[in-house]
Amino acid sequence: MTTYLLLALGVLVPVGAVSLVVLVRAGRPVLLPALAALAVLLVLTACFDSVIVGLGIVGYDGSRILGLRVGAAPVEDFAYPVAAALGIPALWTVLGAHRRS
């Protein structure tokens, strides 16, 4: 049985691993803003996902989630914002370095 956690990890692990390598190699000028954006995105995700789950706009099969929640949102919801907050600056860094060379 596929769970939301397995789907989320299927995205987060490869994107996160590659992105962290790129961001750490790029150094502080790229890493610190990416981590700041990650913090803001996690807060926004907690707020808005709690609202849409709490209102019933989005629902989750209780047998397919871990059961851990931040507000009303299951923790699995946070994998995609984390992947985006790390992946987009890493992609920007790689494409920018490619364009300069």
Protein backbone atom coordinates (compact mmCIF):
# COMPACT_ATOMS: atom_id res chain seq x y z
CA MET A 1 0.00 0.00 0.00
CA THR A 2 1.37 3.37 -1.03
CA THR A 3 1.20 6.05 1.61
CA TYR A 4 1.49 9.80 1.32
CA LEU A 5 4.83 9.56 3.14
CA LEU A 6 6.32 7.25 0.50
CA LEU A 7 5.15 9.56 -2.28
CA ALA A 8 6.53 12.61 -0.48
CA LEU A 9 9.87 10.96 0.24
CA GLY A 10 10.10 9.88 -3.40
CA VAL A 11 10.24 13.57 -4.26
CA LEU A 12 11.97 15.03 -1.21
CA VAL A 13 14.93 12.66 -0.91
CA PRO A 14 16.41 13.07 -4.40
CA VAL A 15 15.54 16.77 -4.74
CA GLY A 16 16.71 17.54 -1.21
CA ALA A 17 19.98 15.63 -1.51
CA VAL A 18 21.03 17.20 -4.80
CA SER A 19 19.83 20.65 -3.74
CA LEU A 20 21.71 20.59 -0.44
CA VAL A 21 24.93 19.62 -2.20
CA VAL A 22 24.54 22.49 -4.67
CA LEU A 23 23.56 25.03 -2.00
CA VAL A 24 26.34 24.07 0.41
CA ARG A 25 28.92 24.25 -2.38
CA ALA A 26 27.56 27.67 -3.40
CA GLY A 27 28.14 28.91 0.13
CA ARG A 28 26.54 31.45 2.42
CA PRO A 29 25.32 33.95 -0.19
CA VAL A 30 22.93 31.33 -1.56
CA LEU A 31 22.43 28.98 1.41
CA LEU A 32 21.23 31.52 3.99
CA PRO A 33 18.50 33.09 1.83
CA ALA A 34 17.34 29.61 0.79
CA LEU A 35 17.05 28.57 4.44
CA ALA A 36 15.21 31.79 5.28
CA ALA A 37 12.78 31.15 2.43
CA LEU A 38 12.34 27.59 3.71
CA ALA A 39 11.39 28.87 7.17
CA VAL A 40 8.83 31.31 5.75
CA LEU A 41 7.40 28.66 3.44
CA LEU A 42 6.99 26.19 6.31
CA VAL A 43 5.06 28.74 8.37
CA LEU A 44 2.84 29.61 5.40
CA THR A 45 2.26 25.94 4.64
CA ALA A 46 1.28 25.26 8.25
CA CYS A 47 -1.23 28.13 8.18
CA PHE A 48 -2.83 27.63 4.80
CA ASP A 49 -2.78 23.82 4.73
CA SER A 50 -4.43 23.80 8.15
CA VAL A 51 -7.17 26.03 6.79
CA ILE A 52 -7.86 23.99 3.66
CA VAL A 53 -7.73 20.68 5.54
CA GLY A 54 -9.79 22.07 8.42
CA LEU A 55 -12.47 23.36 6.05
CA GLY A 56 -12.62 20.02 4.27
CA ILE A 57 -11.45 21.40 0.93
CA VAL A 58 -8.69 18.79 0.95
CA GLY A 59 -8.98 15.48 2.74
CA TYR A 60 -6.61 12.65 3.49
CA ASP A 61 -7.27 8.96 3.97
CA GLY A 62 -6.44 8.45 7.64
CA SER A 63 -4.96 5.01 6.94
CA ARG A 64 -2.39 6.48 4.54
CA ILE A 65 -0.90 9.22 6.72
CA LEU A 66 1.45 8.97 9.69
CA GLY A 67 -1.04 10.70 11.94
CA LEU A 68 1.39 13.47 12.92
CA ARG A 69 -0.09 16.86 12.21
CA VAL A 70 0.91 20.50 12.33
CA GLY A 71 -2.38 22.19 13.01
CA ALA A 72 -4.79 20.25 10.83
CA ALA A 73 -2.22 19.50 8.11
CA PRO A 74 -0.45 16.12 8.06
CA VAL A 75 3.35 16.30 8.16
CA GLU A 76 3.51 14.72 4.71
CA ASP A 77 2.19 18.02 3.32
CA PHE A 78 5.47 19.71 4.20
CA ALA A 79 7.67 17.61 1.89
CA TYR A 80 6.77 19.50 -1.26
CA PRO A 81 7.38 23.01 0.12
CA VAL A 82 10.73 21.81 1.48
CA ALA A 83 11.64 20.37 -1.93
CA ALA A 84 10.62 23.63 -3.63
CA ALA A 85 12.43 25.88 -1.12
CA LEU A 86 15.65 23.92 -1.63
CA GLY A 87 15.27 22.88 -5.25
CA ILE A 88 14.45 26.23 -6.83
CA PRO A 89 17.49 28.13 -5.43
CA ALA A 90 19.71 25.16 -6.32
CA LEU A 91 18.37 25.08 -9.86
CA TRP A 92 18.80 28.86 -10.10
CA THR A 93 22.41 28.48 -8.91
CA VAL A 94 23.21 25.71 -11.38
CA LEU A 95 21.60 27.49 -14.32
CA GLY A 96 23.25 30.78 -13.39
CA ALA A 97 26.67 29.11 -13.19
CA HIS A 98 26.04 27.42 -16.54
CA ARG A 99 25.07 30.71 -18.14
CA ARG A 100 28.22 32.48 -16.85
CA SER A 101 30.56 29.86 -18.28
